[in-house]
C-alpha cells in the first residue's frame, strides 16, 4: 500500500456556512469533505468553531537526512495498527520565486491495506509566511482533532526558525538525530535540543549511533532535573519503534509550552494579517525604493489594521 497525500482544490470561494457543513460531513468520516475543508481553511484563512478535541499533536523535527519521514512512517504504522486514527501534516516551504511547494509529496508510507482508513496525509505549504510554518496549521490541527484523528503528526523541514515555532504549537516534540556528530552539535547550538520532549537517534544500524546517543545523554545530564529519554532506533530495520512510541505516549510536555503556544498563536495571527494586507505589495515596493522606512511601514500596517477592525 502506498499512502498518497490527500488534497482537494476549492474553486469559486467558500463561505463559513459551507465550512461548517464540510466539518459536519468530515466528522462523519467523509475524507473528501475533510480534504475540501482543509483546502478551504488554507485558501480563506477562515476556520469553524471547534467545541472539543480528542487527540494530541506530535511535532517531529531534526536535520535533513536524519530519516524523519521513514521514522514517521514506522510510528504511523504502529499507531494505526493499534486502532488510532493518525493524521500526518508535512510542512512544505514555498518557493519565494515561483510560489510552488518545494517538497510537495515527500511523504510515502507502505504498509497493509487495512491501515489505509486510519491514516490521513497532507502537505501544508507555507505560502507567504516566513519560517515555513503557515498560520493555518493550528486551525487545521484543531479540525483534525475534532474529526476524530487522535494522533496528529507535524513534520518540519528540519532547518531554520520552524523548529521553534512548531515547539509552541504541539503537545509533544520529538527530535530525530542521526549518528553524525555534526548534526547533534548543530542541534545543541541552535537550542533545538532544549525544546524536545523526546530524542530519537535514528539509523542505529550504522556505526556511531550508540556513541551519538551517549553524547546526547551526557549533555542532558548536565541539568540535574532533566530526565528526558534518548532512544536508539532504526527506521529502516524497524528496531526500537515500539519503545519510542510508548515513551512518546507517556511523556509529559514541558511546563513552558503553554506560554510559548499562546505567543506563537499571536505571532501566527499577525503573520496572517500581514501577508493578506491589501497594500502589502505596495508597501514592500516603497521599502525597496527607499521612500519609507521599516518603522514607517509597520506604522502604516498597524494603523490601517486598527482602522479596518473598527469599520
C-alpha atoms as a PDB file:
ATOM      1  CA  UNK A   1       0.000   0.000   0.000  1.00  0.00           C
ATOM      2  CA  UNK A   2       1.230   3.484  -0.808  1.00  0.00           C
ATOM      3  CA  UNK A   3      -0.483   6.299   1.073  1.00  0.00           C
ATOM      4  CA  UNK A   4      -0.673   9.384  -1.115  1.00  0.00           C
ATOM      5  CA  UNK A   5      -1.195  12.911   0.113  1.00  0.00           C
ATOM      6  CA  UNK A   6      -4.831  13.930   0.125  1.00  0.00           C
ATOM      7  CA  UNK A   7      -5.920  17.281  -1.260  1.00  0.00           C
ATOM      8  CA  UNK A   8      -8.925  18.924  -2.808  1.00  0.00           C
ATOM      9  CA  UNK A   9      -8.907  22.186  -4.758  1.00  0.00           C
ATOM     10  CA  UNK A  10     -11.666  24.687  -3.994  1.00  0.00           C
ATOM     11  CA  UNK A  11     -12.819  26.847  -6.875  1.00  0.00           C
ATOM     12  CA  UNK A  12     -15.009  29.909  -6.651  1.00  0.00           C
ATOM     13  CA  UNK A  13     -14.527  30.523  -2.915  1.00  0.00           C
ATOM     14  CA  UNK A  14     -16.372  29.114   0.062  1.00  0.00           C
ATOM     15  CA  UNK A  15     -18.240  30.730   2.956  1.00  0.00           C
ATOM     16  CA  UNK A  16     -18.405  29.988   6.676  1.00  0.00           C
ATOM     17  CA  UNK A  17     -21.720  28.173   6.233  1.00  0.00           C
ATOM     18  CA  UNK A  18     -20.107  25.815   3.724  1.00  0.00           C
ATOM     19  CA  UNK A  19     -17.121  25.331   6.039  1.00  0.00           C
ATOM     20  CA  UNK A  20     -19.447  24.331   8.878  1.00  0.00           C
ATOM     21  CA  UNK A  21     -21.247  21.880   6.571  1.00  0.00           C
ATOM     22  CA  UNK A  22     -17.919  20.391   5.484  1.00  0.00           C
ATOM     23  CA  UNK A  23     -16.915  19.996   9.136  1.00  0.00           C
ATOM     24  CA  UNK A  24     -20.086  18.072   9.931  1.00  0.00           C
ATOM     25  CA  UNK A  25     -19.509  15.744   6.966  1.00  0.00           C
ATOM     26  CA  UNK A  26     -15.839  15.300   7.891  1.00  0.00           C
ATOM     27  CA  UNK A  27     -16.817  14.360  11.446  1.00  0.00           C
ATOM     28  CA  UNK A  28     -18.948  11.567   9.963  1.00  0.00           C
ATOM     29  CA  UNK A  29     -15.852  10.171   8.236  1.00  0.00           C
ATOM     30  CA  UNK A  30     -16.128  11.728   4.745  1.00  0.00           C
ATOM     31  CA  UNK A  31     -12.484  12.090   3.720  1.00  0.00           C
ATOM     32  CA  UNK A  32     -13.296  14.194   0.649  1.00  0.00           C
ATOM     33  CA  UNK A  33     -15.107  16.708   2.872  1.00  0.00           C
ATOM     34  CA  UNK A  34     -12.099  16.755   5.199  1.00  0.00           C
ATOM     35  CA  UNK A  35      -9.754  17.461   2.280  1.00  0.00           C
ATOM     36  CA  UNK A  36     -12.056  20.200   0.998  1.00  0.00           C
ATOM     37  CA  UNK A  37     -12.309  21.671   4.489  1.00  0.00           C
ATOM     38  CA  UNK A  38      -8.519  21.873   4.855  1.00  0.00           C
ATOM     39  CA  UNK A  39      -8.255  23.436   1.395  1.00  0.00           C
ATOM     40  CA  UNK A  40     -10.928  25.986   2.316  1.00  0.00           C
ATOM     41  CA  UNK A  41      -9.105  26.919   5.532  1.00  0.00           C
ATOM     42  CA  UNK A  42      -5.815  27.184   3.621  1.00  0.00           C
ATOM     43  CA  UNK A  43      -7.265  29.466   0.957  1.00  0.00           C
ATOM     44  CA  UNK A  44      -9.584  31.662   3.017  1.00  0.00           C
ATOM     45  CA  UNK A  45      -7.984  31.695   6.451  1.00  0.00           C
ATOM     46  CA  UNK A  46     -11.442  31.064   7.956  1.00  0.00           C
ATOM     47  CA  UNK A  47     -11.994  28.176  10.325  1.00  0.00           C
ATOM     48  CA  UNK A  48     -15.061  26.695  12.037  1.00  0.00           C
ATOM     49  CA  UNK A  49     -15.743  26.890  15.753  1.00  0.00           C
ATOM     50  CA  UNK A  50     -14.239  23.874  17.493  1.00  0.00           C
ATOM     51  CA  UNK A  51     -16.034  22.650  20.612  1.00  0.00           C
ATOM     52  CA  UNK A  52     -13.890  19.708  21.609  1.00  0.00           C
ATOM     53  CA  UNK A  53     -10.638  17.917  20.870  1.00  0.00           C
ATOM     54  CA  UNK A  54      -9.922  14.209  21.127  1.00  0.00           C
ATOM     55  CA  UNK A  55      -6.279  13.900  20.137  1.00  0.00           C
ATOM     56  CA  UNK A  56      -2.869  15.426  20.661  1.00  0.00           C
ATOM     57  CA  UNK A  57      -0.225  16.823  18.342  1.00  0.00           C
ATOM     58  CA  UNK A  58       3.304  15.476  17.941  1.00  0.00           C
ATOM     59  CA  UNK A  59       5.902  17.660  16.272  1.00  0.00           C
ATOM     60  CA  UNK A  60       8.781  15.824  14.585  1.00  0.00           C
ATOM     61  CA  UNK A  61      11.918  17.789  13.768  1.00  0.00           C
ATOM     62  CA  UNK A  62      15.581  17.140  13.088  1.00  0.00           C
ATOM     63  CA  UNK A  63      18.252  17.836  10.483  1.00  0.00           C
ATOM     64  CA  UNK A  64      17.649  16.929   6.828  1.00  0.00           C
ATOM     65  CA  UNK A  65      18.704  13.365   6.105  1.00  0.00           C
ATOM     66  CA  UNK A  66      18.125  12.106   9.654  1.00  0.00           C
ATOM     67  CA  UNK A  67      15.305   9.845   8.450  1.00  0.00           C
ATOM     68  CA  UNK A  68      12.305  11.737   9.838  1.00  0.00           C
ATOM     69  CA  UNK A  69       9.875  10.675   7.101  1.00  0.00           C
ATOM     70  CA  UNK A  70      10.835   6.989   7.319  1.00  0.00           C
ATOM     71  CA  UNK A  71      10.592   7.056  11.105  1.00  0.00           C
ATOM     72  CA  UNK A  72       7.201   8.758  10.943  1.00  0.00           C
ATOM     73  CA  UNK A  73       6.026   6.014   8.599  1.00  0.00           C
ATOM     74  CA  UNK A  74       7.023   3.387  11.162  1.00  0.00           C
ATOM     75  CA  UNK A  75       5.304   5.214  14.030  1.00  0.00           C
ATOM     76  CA  UNK A  76       2.174   5.728  11.962  1.00  0.00           C
ATOM     77  CA  UNK A  77       2.037   2.006  11.255  1.00  0.00           C
ATOM     78  CA  UNK A  78       2.302   1.207  14.980  1.00  0.00           C
ATOM     79  CA  UNK A  79      -0.441   3.632  15.967  1.00  0.00           C
ATOM     80  CA  UNK A  80      -2.770   2.792  13.072  1.00  0.00           C
ATOM     81  CA  UNK A  81      -2.458  -0.957  13.675  1.00  0.00           C
ATOM     82  CA  UNK A  82      -3.495  -0.411  17.313  1.00  0.00           C
ATOM     83  CA  UNK A  83      -6.662   1.396  16.221  1.00  0.00           C
ATOM     84  CA  UNK A  84      -5.535   5.021  16.474  1.00  0.00           C
ATOM     85  CA  UNK A  85      -6.517   7.383  13.667  1.00  0.00           C
ATOM     86  CA  UNK A  86      -3.312   9.104  12.564  1.00  0.00           C
ATOM     87  CA  UNK A  87      -3.023  12.315  10.541  1.00  0.00           C
ATOM     88  CA  UNK A  88       0.340  13.465   9.155  1.00  0.00           C
ATOM     89  CA  UNK A  89       0.886  17.095   8.167  1.00  0.00           C
ATOM     90  CA  UNK A  90       4.118  17.640   6.241  1.00  0.00           C
ATOM     91  CA  UNK A  91       5.229  21.268   6.371  1.00  0.00           C
ATOM     92  CA  UNK A  92       6.345  22.320   2.925  1.00  0.00           C
ATOM     93  CA  UNK A  93       8.282  25.557   2.324  1.00  0.00           C
ATOM     94  CA  UNK A  94       7.070  27.583  -0.638  1.00  0.00           C
ATOM     95  CA  UNK A  95       9.491  28.935  -3.217  1.00  0.00           C
ATOM     96  CA  UNK A  96       9.781  32.732  -2.905  1.00  0.00           C
ATOM     97  CA  UNK A  97      10.306  32.911  -6.681  1.00  0.00           C
ATOM     98  CA  UNK A  98       7.732  30.578  -8.223  1.00  0.00           C
ATOM     99  CA  UNK A  99       5.298  30.252  -5.305  1.00  0.00           C
ATOM    100  CA  UNK A 100       5.365  26.465  -5.728  1.00  0.00           C
ATOM    101  CA  UNK A 101       5.884  23.948  -2.950  1.00  0.00           C
ATOM    102  CA  UNK A 102       9.438  22.668  -2.766  1.00  0.00           C
ATOM    103  CA  UNK A 103       8.892  19.217  -1.265  1.00  0.00           C
ATOM    104  CA  UNK A 104       5.225  18.525  -2.086  1.00  0.00           C
ATOM    105  CA  UNK A 105       4.736  14.766  -1.871  1.00  0.00           C
ATOM    106  CA  UNK A 106       7.817  13.733   0.100  1.00  0.00           C
ATOM    107  CA  UNK A 107       5.816  11.534   2.473  1.00  0.00           C
ATOM    108  CA  UNK A 108       5.390   7.948   1.290  1.00  0.00           C
ATOM    109  CA  UNK A 109       4.394   5.102   3.554  1.00  0.00           C
ATOM    110  CA  UNK A 110       3.992   1.494   2.658  1.00  0.00           C
ATOM    111  CA  UNK A 111       2.056  -0.987   4.743  1.00  0.00           C
ATOM    112  CA  UNK A 112      -1.064  -3.091   4.978  1.00  0.00           C
ATOM    113  CA  UNK A 113      -4.136  -2.039   3.014  1.00  0.00           C
ATOM    114  CA  UNK A 114      -6.367  -2.351   6.071  1.00  0.00           C
ATOM    115  CA  UNK A 115      -4.484   0.540   7.718  1.00  0.00           C
ATOM    116  CA  UNK A 116      -5.344   2.966   4.931  1.00  0.00           C
ATOM    117  CA  UNK A 117      -8.592   4.123   6.547  1.00  0.00           C
ATOM    118  CA  UNK A 118      -6.759   5.016   9.756  1.00  0.00           C
ATOM    119  CA  UNK A 119      -4.187   7.273   8.071  1.00  0.00           C
ATOM    120  CA  UNK A 120      -4.533  10.751   6.550  1.00  0.00           C
ATOM    121  CA  UNK A 121      -1.531  12.535   4.994  1.00  0.00           C
ATOM    122  CA  UNK A 122      -1.481  16.132   3.838  1.00  0.00           C
ATOM    123  CA  UNK A 123       1.206  18.591   2.753  1.00  0.00           C
ATOM    124  CA  UNK A 124       0.871  22.105   4.205  1.00  0.00           C
ATOM    125  CA  UNK A 125       2.640  24.786   2.117  1.00  0.00           C
ATOM    126  CA  UNK A 126       3.962  27.800   3.971  1.00  0.00           C
ATOM    127  CA  UNK A 127       2.685  30.253   1.353  1.00  0.00           C
ATOM    128  CA  UNK A 128       3.996  33.744   2.032  1.00  0.00           C
ATOM    129  CA  UNK A 129       4.593  33.018   5.697  1.00  0.00           C
ATOM    130  CA  UNK A 130       8.214  33.241   6.893  1.00  0.00           C
ATOM    131  CA  UNK A 131       9.716  30.283   8.729  1.00  0.00           C
ATOM    132  CA  UNK A 132       7.951  27.542   6.734  1.00  0.00           C
ATOM    133  CA  UNK A 133       5.108  27.382   9.285  1.00  0.00           C
ATOM    134  CA  UNK A 134       1.763  28.536   7.963  1.00  0.00           C
ATOM    135  CA  UNK A 135      -0.614  30.347  10.362  1.00  0.00           C
ATOM    136  CA  UNK A 136      -3.362  27.954   9.250  1.00  0.00           C
ATOM    137  CA  UNK A 137      -1.529  24.998  10.834  1.00  0.00           C
ATOM    138  CA  UNK A 138      -3.205  25.445  14.226  1.00  0.00           C
ATOM    139  CA  UNK A 139      -6.819  25.559  12.912  1.00  0.00           C
ATOM    140  CA  UNK A 140      -6.113  22.565  10.656  1.00  0.00           C
ATOM    141  CA  UNK A 141      -4.823  20.558  13.630  1.00  0.00           C
ATOM    142  CA  UNK A 142      -7.902  21.583  15.620  1.00  0.00           C
ATOM    143  CA  UNK A 143     -10.191  20.440  12.803  1.00  0.00           C
ATOM    144  CA  UNK A 144      -8.426  17.084  12.535  1.00  0.00           C
ATOM    145  CA  UNK A 145      -8.754  16.538  16.275  1.00  0.00           C
ATOM    146  CA  UNK A 146     -12.429  17.495  16.160  1.00  0.00           C
ATOM    147  CA  UNK A 147     -12.950  14.954  13.376  1.00  0.00           C
ATOM    148  CA  UNK A 148     -11.589  12.121  15.493  1.00  0.00           C
ATOM    149  CA  UNK A 149      -7.940  11.938  14.424  1.00  0.00           C
ATOM    150  CA  UNK A 150      -6.324  11.003  17.724  1.00  0.00           C
ATOM    151  CA  UNK A 151      -2.651  11.262  16.745  1.00  0.00           C
ATOM    152  CA  UNK A 152      -1.670  14.283  14.657  1.00  0.00           C
ATOM    153  CA  UNK A 153       1.955  14.337  13.494  1.00  0.00           C
ATOM    154  CA  UNK A 154       3.532  17.520  12.142  1.00  0.00           C
ATOM    155  CA  UNK A 155       6.830  17.048  10.293  1.00  0.00           C
ATOM    156  CA  UNK A 156       9.069  20.082   9.907  1.00  0.00           C
ATOM    157  CA  UNK A 157      11.573  20.646   7.133  1.00  0.00           C
ATOM    158  CA  UNK A 158      14.293  20.494   9.765  1.00  0.00           C
ATOM    159  CA  UNK A 159      16.015  23.814   9.217  1.00  0.00           C
ATOM    160  CA  UNK A 160      15.621  27.383  10.407  1.00  0.00           C
ATOM    161  CA  UNK A 161      13.075  29.001  12.693  1.00  0.00           C
ATOM    162  CA  UNK A 162      10.353  26.423  12.058  1.00  0.00           C
ATOM    163  CA  UNK A 163      11.580  24.226  14.936  1.00  0.00           C
ATOM    164  CA  UNK A 164      10.904  26.954  17.490  1.00  0.00           C
ATOM    165  CA  UNK A 165       7.515  27.790  16.029  1.00  0.00           C
ATOM    166  CA  UNK A 166       6.458  24.150  15.962  1.00  0.00           C
ATOM    167  CA  UNK A 167       7.550  23.660  19.583  1.00  0.00           C
ATOM    168  CA  UNK A 168       4.986  26.267  20.571  1.00  0.00           C
ATOM    169  CA  UNK A 169       2.144  24.658  18.623  1.00  0.00           C
ATOM    170  CA  UNK A 170       2.436  20.971  19.512  1.00  0.00           C
ATOM    171  CA  UNK A 171       1.732  18.953  22.653  1.00  0.00           C
ATOM    172  CA  UNK A 172       4.902  16.861  22.347  1.00  0.00           C
ATOM    173  CA  UNK A 173       8.092  17.406  20.352  1.00  0.00           C
ATOM    174  CA  UNK A 174      10.310  14.607  19.011  1.00  0.00           C
ATOM    175  CA  UNK A 175      13.839  15.454  17.869  1.00  0.00           C
ATOM    176  CA  UNK A 176      15.285  12.965  15.378  1.00  0.00           C
ATOM    177  CA  UNK A 177      19.077  12.871  15.027  1.00  0.00           C
ATOM    178  CA  UNK A 178      21.425  10.606  13.144  1.00  0.00           C
ATOM    179  CA  UNK A 179      24.783   9.115  14.092  1.00  0.00           C
ATOM    180  CA  UNK A 180      26.605  12.086  12.554  1.00  0.00           C
ATOM    181  CA  UNK A 181      28.034  14.068  15.476  1.00  0.00           C
ATOM    182  CA  UNK A 182      27.933  17.265  13.393  1.00  0.00           C
ATOM    183  CA  UNK A 183      24.119  17.175  13.302  1.00  0.00           C
ATOM    184  CA  UNK A 184      23.967  16.778  17.081  1.00  0.00           C
ATOM    185  CA  UNK A 185      26.324  19.703  17.692  1.00  0.00           C
ATOM    186  CA  UNK A 186      24.246  21.900  15.383  1.00  0.00           C
ATOM    187  CA  UNK A 187      21.073  20.937  17.275  1.00  0.00           C
ATOM    188  CA  UNK A 188      22.743  21.881  20.549  1.00  0.00           C
ATOM    189  CA  UNK A 189      23.981  25.209  19.175  1.00  0.00           C
ATOM    190  CA  UNK A 190      20.541  26.109  17.818  1.00  0.00           C
ATOM    191  CA  UNK A 191      18.861  25.315  21.126  1.00  0.00           C
ATOM    192  CA  UNK A 192      16.649  22.691  19.485  1.00  0.00           C
ATOM    193  CA  UNK A 193      17.807  20.023  21.927  1.00  0.00           C
ATOM    194  CA  UNK A 194      16.354  22.064  24.792  1.00  0.00           C
ATOM    195  CA  UNK A 195      12.916  22.151  23.145  1.00  0.00           C
ATOM    196  CA  UNK A 196      12.498  18.411  22.570  1.00  0.00           C
ATOM    197  CA  UNK A 197      10.428  16.228  24.905  1.00  0.00           C
ATOM    198  CA  UNK A 198      11.908  13.015  23.443  1.00  0.00           C
ATOM    199  CA  UNK A 199      15.109  12.477  21.413  1.00  0.00           C
ATOM    200  CA  UNK A 200      15.490   9.611  18.940  1.00  0.00           C
ATOM    201  CA  UNK A 201      18.873   8.717  17.453  1.00  0.00           C
ATOM    202  CA  UNK A 202      17.931   7.096  14.143  1.00  0.00           C
ATOM    203  CA  UNK A 203      19.997   4.740  11.974  1.00  0.00           C
ATOM    204  CA  UNK A 204      21.118   2.640  14.942  1.00  0.00           C
ATOM    205  CA  UNK A 205      22.238   0.052  12.397  1.00  0.00           C
ATOM    206  CA  UNK A 206      25.094   2.383  11.376  1.00  0.00           C
ATOM    207  CA  UNK A 207      28.423   2.911  13.191  1.00  0.00           C
ATOM    208  CA  UNK A 208      28.490   5.772  15.662  1.00  0.00           C
ATOM    209  CA  UNK A 209      24.807   5.687  16.641  1.00  0.00           C
ATOM    210  CA  UNK A 210      25.393   4.379  20.177  1.00  0.00           C
ATOM    211  CA  UNK A 211      28.112   6.945  20.886  1.00  0.00           C
ATOM    212  CA  UNK A 212      25.873   9.708  19.495  1.00  0.00           C
ATOM    213  CA  UNK A 213      23.076   8.680  21.860  1.00  0.00           C
ATOM    214  CA  UNK A 214      25.516   8.620  24.772  1.00  0.00           C
ATOM    215  CA  UNK A 215      26.776  12.092  23.866  1.00  0.00           C
ATOM    216  CA  UNK A 216      23.224  13.453  23.996  1.00  0.00           C
ATOM    217  CA  UNK A 217      22.561  11.719  27.328  1.00  0.00           C
ATOM    218  CA  UNK A 218      25.734  13.302  28.709  1.00  0.00           C
ATOM    219  CA  UNK A 219      24.588  16.735  27.550  1.00  0.00           C
ATOM    220  CA  UNK A 220      21.188  16.268  29.183  1.00  0.00           C
ATOM    221  CA  UNK A 221      22.754  15.041  32.439  1.00  0.00           C
ATOM    222  CA  UNK A 222      24.314  18.472  32.996  1.00  0.00           C
ATOM    223  CA  UNK A 223      20.874  19.529  34.232  1.00  0.00           C
ATOM    224  CA  UNK A 224      20.096  17.560  37.383  1.00  0.00           C
ATOM    225  CA  UNK A 225      16.335  17.520  36.805  1.00  0.00           C
ATOM    226  CA  UNK A 226      16.459  16.599  33.087  1.00  0.00           C
ATOM    227  CA  UNK A 227      15.036  13.090  32.729  1.00  0.00           C
ATOM    228  CA  UNK A 228      14.165  13.149  29.043  1.00  0.00           C
ATOM    229  CA  UNK A 229      14.532   9.881  27.162  1.00  0.00           C
ATOM    230  CA  UNK A 230      17.089   9.260  24.402  1.00  0.00           C
ATOM    231  CA  UNK A 231      16.050   6.287  22.256  1.00  0.00           C
ATOM    232  CA  UNK A 232      18.128   4.373  19.721  1.00  0.00           C
ATOM    233  CA  UNK A 233      16.011   3.415  16.696  1.00  0.00           C
ATOM    234  CA  UNK A 234      16.398   2.162  13.163  1.00  0.00           C
ATOM    235  CA  UNK A 235      13.516   3.266  10.971  1.00  0.00           C
ATOM    236  CA  UNK A 236      14.946   1.211   8.128  1.00  0.00           C
ATOM    237  CA  UNK A 237      15.090  -2.027  10.127  1.00  0.00           C
ATOM    238  CA  UNK A 238      12.134  -1.281  12.419  1.00  0.00           C
ATOM    239  CA  UNK A 239      14.202  -1.575  15.603  1.00  0.00           C
ATOM    240  CA  UNK A 240      13.224   0.439  18.695  1.00  0.00           C
ATOM    241  CA  UNK A 241       9.973   1.776  17.200  1.00  0.00           C
ATOM    242  CA  UNK A 242       7.676   0.208  19.799  1.00  0.00           C
ATOM    243  CA  UNK A 243       9.792   1.592  22.653  1.00  0.00           C
ATOM    244  CA  UNK A 244       9.796   5.044  21.075  1.00  0.00           C
ATOM    245  CA  UNK A 245       6.007   5.073  20.623  1.00  0.00           C
ATOM    246  CA  UNK A 246       5.470   4.014  24.244  1.00  0.00           C
ATOM    247  CA  UNK A 247       7.798   6.746  25.528  1.00  0.00           C
ATOM    248  CA  UNK A 248       6.044   9.402  23.430  1.00  0.00           C
ATOM    249  CA  UNK A 249       2.676   8.246  24.770  1.00  0.00           C
ATOM    250  CA  UNK A 250       3.850   8.534  28.378  1.00  0.00           C
ATOM    251  CA  UNK A 251       5.928  11.708  28.205  1.00  0.00           C
ATOM    252  CA  UNK A 252       4.748  14.868  29.910  1.00  0.00           C
ATOM    253  CA  UNK A 253       5.097  18.081  27.863  1.00  0.00           C
ATOM    254  CA  UNK A 254       7.384  20.759  29.280  1.00  0.00           C
ATOM    255  CA  UNK A 255       5.689  23.303  31.559  1.00  0.00           C
ATOM    256  CA  UNK A 256       6.830  26.253  29.440  1.00  0.00           C
ATOM    257  CA  UNK A 257       4.814  25.033  26.437  1.00  0.00           C
ATOM    258  CA  UNK A 258       1.606  26.893  27.434  1.00  0.00           C
ATOM    259  CA  UNK A 259       3.023  30.427  27.233  1.00  0.00           C
ATOM    260  CA  UNK A 260       5.001  29.555  24.099  1.00  0.00           C
ATOM    261  CA  UNK A 261       1.831  28.268  22.466  1.00  0.00           C
ATOM    262  CA  UNK A 262      -0.146  31.441  23.157  1.00  0.00           C
ATOM    263  CA  UNK A 263       2.725  33.634  21.977  1.00  0.00           C
ATOM    264  CA  UNK A 264       3.087  31.619  18.782  1.00  0.00           C
ATOM    265  CA  UNK A 265      -0.645  31.755  18.072  1.00  0.00           C
ATOM    266  CA  UNK A 266      -0.461  35.534  18.473  1.00  0.00           C
ATOM    267  CA  UNK A 267       2.529  35.780  16.118  1.00  0.00           C
ATOM    268  CA  UNK A 268       0.923  33.434  13.599  1.00  0.00           C
ATOM    269  CA  UNK A 269      -2.238  35.518  13.555  1.00  0.00           C
ATOM    270  CA  UNK A 270      -0.191  38.670  12.977  1.00  0.00           C
ATOM    271  CA  UNK A 271       1.714  36.939  10.162  1.00  0.00           C
ATOM    272  CA  UNK A 272      -1.614  36.028   8.560  1.00  0.00           C
ATOM    273  CA  UNK A 273      -2.853  39.623   8.811  1.00  0.00           C
ATOM    274  CA  UNK A 274       0.433  40.939   7.429  1.00  0.00           C
ATOM    275  CA  UNK A 275       0.689  38.752   4.336  1.00  0.00           C
ATOM    276  CA  UNK A 276      -3.003  39.219   3.470  1.00  0.00           C
ATOM    277  CA  UNK A 277      -2.965  43.006   3.872  1.00  0.00           C
ATOM    278  CA  UNK A 278      -4.384  44.605   0.683  1.00  0.00           C
ATOM    279  CA  UNK A 279      -1.476  47.070   0.410  1.00  0.00           C
ATOM    280  CA  UNK A 280       1.386  44.731   1.341  1.00  0.00           C
ATOM    281  CA  UNK A 281       2.866  44.670  -2.193  1.00  0.00           C
ATOM    282  CA  UNK A 282       2.746  48.455  -2.427  1.00  0.00           C
ATOM    283  CA  UNK A 283       4.394  48.844   0.984  1.00  0.00           C
ATOM    284  CA  UNK A 284       7.165  46.379   0.083  1.00  0.00           C
ATOM    285  CA  UNK A 285       7.806  48.270  -3.181  1.00  0.00           C
ATOM    286  CA  UNK A 286       8.122  51.531  -1.236  1.00  0.00           C
ATOM    287  CA  UNK A 287      10.541  49.850   1.155  1.00  0.00           C
ATOM    288  CA  UNK A 288      12.619  48.643  -1.781  1.00  0.00           C
ATOM    289  CA  UNK A 289      12.890  52.090  -3.400  1.00  0.00           C
ATOM    290  CA  UNK A 290      13.612  53.730  -0.046  1.00  0.00           C
ATOM    291  CA  UNK A 291      10.572  56.010   0.041  1.00  0.00           C
ATOM    292  CA  UNK A 292       9.594  54.694   3.500  1.00  0.00           C
ATOM    293  CA  UNK A 293      11.464  53.088   6.386  1.00  0.00           C
ATOM    294  CA  UNK A 294      10.670  49.752   8.016  1.00  0.00           C
ATOM    295  CA  UNK A 295       9.342  51.590  11.078  1.00  0.00           C
ATOM    296  CA  UNK A 296       7.047  53.688   8.881  1.00  0.00           C
ATOM    297  CA  UNK A 297       5.847  50.538   7.090  1.00  0.00           C
ATOM    298  CA  UNK A 298       4.949  48.944  10.431  1.00  0.00           C
ATOM    299  CA  UNK A 299       3.055  52.054  11.499  1.00  0.00           C
ATOM    300  CA  UNK A 300       1.100  52.056   8.221  1.00  0.00           C
ATOM    301  CA  UNK A 301       0.183  48.378   8.595  1.00  0.00           C
ATOM    302  CA  UNK A 302      -0.813  48.687  12.255  1.00  0.00           C
ATOM    303  CA  UNK A 303      -2.845  51.864  11.836  1.00  0.00           C
ATOM    304  CA  UNK A 304      -4.687  50.572   8.770  1.00  0.00           C
ATOM    305  CA  UNK A 305      -5.439  47.263  10.511  1.00  0.00           C
ATOM    306  CA  UNK A 306      -6.864  49.113  13.519  1.00  0.00           C
ATOM    307  CA  UNK A 307      -8.982  51.175  11.141  1.00  0.00           C
ATOM    308  CA  UNK A 308     -10.277  48.055   9.382  1.00  0.00           C
ATOM    309  CA  UNK A 309     -11.144  46.456  12.748  1.00  0.00           C
ATOM    310  CA  UNK A 310     -13.376  49.414  13.659  1.00  0.00           C
ATOM    311  CA  UNK A 311     -15.234  49.507  10.346  1.00  0.00           C
END
